[in-house]
Protein backbone atom coordinates (compact mmCIF):
# COMPACT_ATOMS: atom_id res chain seq x y z
CA MET A 1 35.01 55.03 42.01
CA SER A 2 33.61 52.06 44.02
CA THR A 3 31.29 51.38 41.11
CA VAL A 4 34.16 50.63 38.93
CA ILE A 5 35.35 48.06 41.24
CA ASN A 6 31.85 46.14 41.45
CA LYS A 7 31.70 45.84 38.12
CA GLU A 8 32.18 42.66 35.97
CA LEU A 9 33.18 42.30 32.31
CA HIS A 10 31.00 39.96 30.80
CA ILE A 11 32.35 37.68 27.94
CA THR A 12 30.38 35.69 25.56
CA MET A 13 32.29 32.41 24.49
CA PRO A 14 31.86 30.89 21.05
CA ASP A 15 29.64 28.22 22.82
CA GLY A 16 27.40 30.84 23.83
CA SER A 17 28.17 30.55 27.61
CA VAL A 18 28.46 33.96 29.24
CA TRP A 19 31.49 34.46 31.83
CA ALA A 20 32.10 37.27 34.14
CA VAL A 21 35.72 38.51 35.28
CA PRO A 22 36.04 41.10 37.91
CA VAL A 23 37.04 44.64 36.65
CA GLN A 24 38.89 44.77 39.73
CA LEU A 25 41.52 42.23 38.78
CA ILE A 26 41.88 44.06 35.05
CA ALA A 27 42.14 47.38 37.05
CA THR A 28 44.83 46.06 38.94
CA ASN A 29 46.98 44.43 36.15
CA ARG A 30 46.44 47.88 34.40
CA ALA A 31 47.46 49.91 37.57
CA ASP A 32 50.93 47.25 37.91
CA TYR A 33 51.76 48.17 34.34
CA TYR A 34 51.76 51.84 35.00
CA ALA A 35 52.73 51.47 38.45
CA LYS A 36 56.47 52.59 36.75
CA GLU A 37 54.92 56.05 36.58
CA PHE A 38 54.01 56.51 39.94
CA GLY A 39 57.38 55.80 41.91
CA GLY A 40 56.23 51.90 41.62
CA ASP A 41 53.02 52.49 43.74
CA ILE A 42 50.55 50.56 42.28
CA SER A 43 47.55 52.04 44.80
CA ARG A 44 48.33 55.41 43.20
CA SER A 45 48.80 54.28 39.80
CA LEU A 46 45.17 52.69 40.62
CA ALA A 47 43.83 55.46 42.42
CA GLU A 48 44.87 58.25 40.56
CA ASP A 49 44.97 56.83 36.72
CA THR A 50 43.56 53.76 36.25
CA LEU A 51 40.26 54.23 38.69
CA PRO A 52 39.29 57.46 36.88
CA LEU A 53 39.89 56.27 33.36
CA PHE A 54 37.71 53.13 33.91
CA HIS A 55 34.99 55.45 35.53
CA MET A 56 34.63 57.64 32.69
CA ASP A 57 34.26 54.83 30.14
CA ASP A 58 33.64 51.22 30.06
CA PHE A 59 35.39 50.69 26.67
CA GLU A 60 38.56 51.48 28.77
CA ILE A 61 38.06 48.23 30.39
CA GLU A 62 37.36 46.26 27.67
CA ASP A 63 39.91 47.87 25.75
CA TRP A 64 42.79 47.12 28.43
CA ALA A 65 41.54 43.72 29.28
CA ILE A 66 41.62 42.70 25.28
CA ASN A 67 44.87 44.36 24.44
CA ASN A 68 46.79 43.71 27.35
CA MET A 69 45.63 40.32 29.00
CA ASN A 70 45.06 36.77 28.25
CA TRP A 71 42.56 34.34 29.27
CA SER A 72 45.32 32.73 31.25
CA ASP A 73 45.40 35.94 33.18
CA VAL A 74 41.74 36.02 34.38
CA GLN A 75 40.60 32.71 34.07
CA HIS A 76 41.23 31.79 38.03
CA ALA A 77 38.55 34.67 38.88
CA ALA A 78 36.25 34.45 36.08
CA ARG A 79 32.67 32.61 36.66
CA CYS A 80 30.38 31.24 34.34
CA VAL A 81 27.13 32.90 34.48
CA SER A 82 25.54 30.77 31.90
CA ALA A 83 25.84 27.23 30.59
CA ALA A 84 29.31 26.46 29.30
CA GLY A 85 30.50 23.77 26.90
CA ASP A 86 33.74 22.85 24.95
CA VAL A 87 35.06 26.17 24.50
CA ASP A 88 38.21 27.77 23.26
CA TYR A 89 38.37 30.54 25.85
CA GLN A 90 41.23 32.28 24.40
CA GLU A 91 39.48 32.69 21.34
CA GLY A 92 36.57 34.00 23.29
CA TRP A 93 38.62 36.51 25.47
CA VAL A 94 39.84 37.80 22.18
CA ASN A 95 36.55 38.03 20.02
CA GLY A 96 33.56 37.28 22.10
CA ASP A 97 30.87 39.74 22.38
CA LYS A 98 31.72 41.86 26.11
CA SER A 99 29.82 44.43 28.54
CA VAL A 100 30.66 45.93 31.46
CA GLU A 101 28.21 45.42 34.36
CA VAL A 102 27.65 45.67 38.44
CA ALA A 103 28.62 42.58 39.81
CA LYS A 104 25.97 40.38 41.84
């Protein structure tokens, strides 16, 4: 499952810039949400539920991020992988093109 943790969600913003968000951050967010189903244990939620789900299908990563997180949740960990300009990052986070790739 470590291959999931080494991935990034790449988001193309309205200005054409591309931003990378660590999948680990997205996975931890989901595991925290579902921890109640694992006796409050985020580590178990991550290991037994979120990581297997994210490993099976990259779409699950994108789906969780878009529908359950905001740009403000990931902005601190995002890094620009191509030139940036004046951007509405929330708009890009919700509607930008996305792909899951191996982290560099």
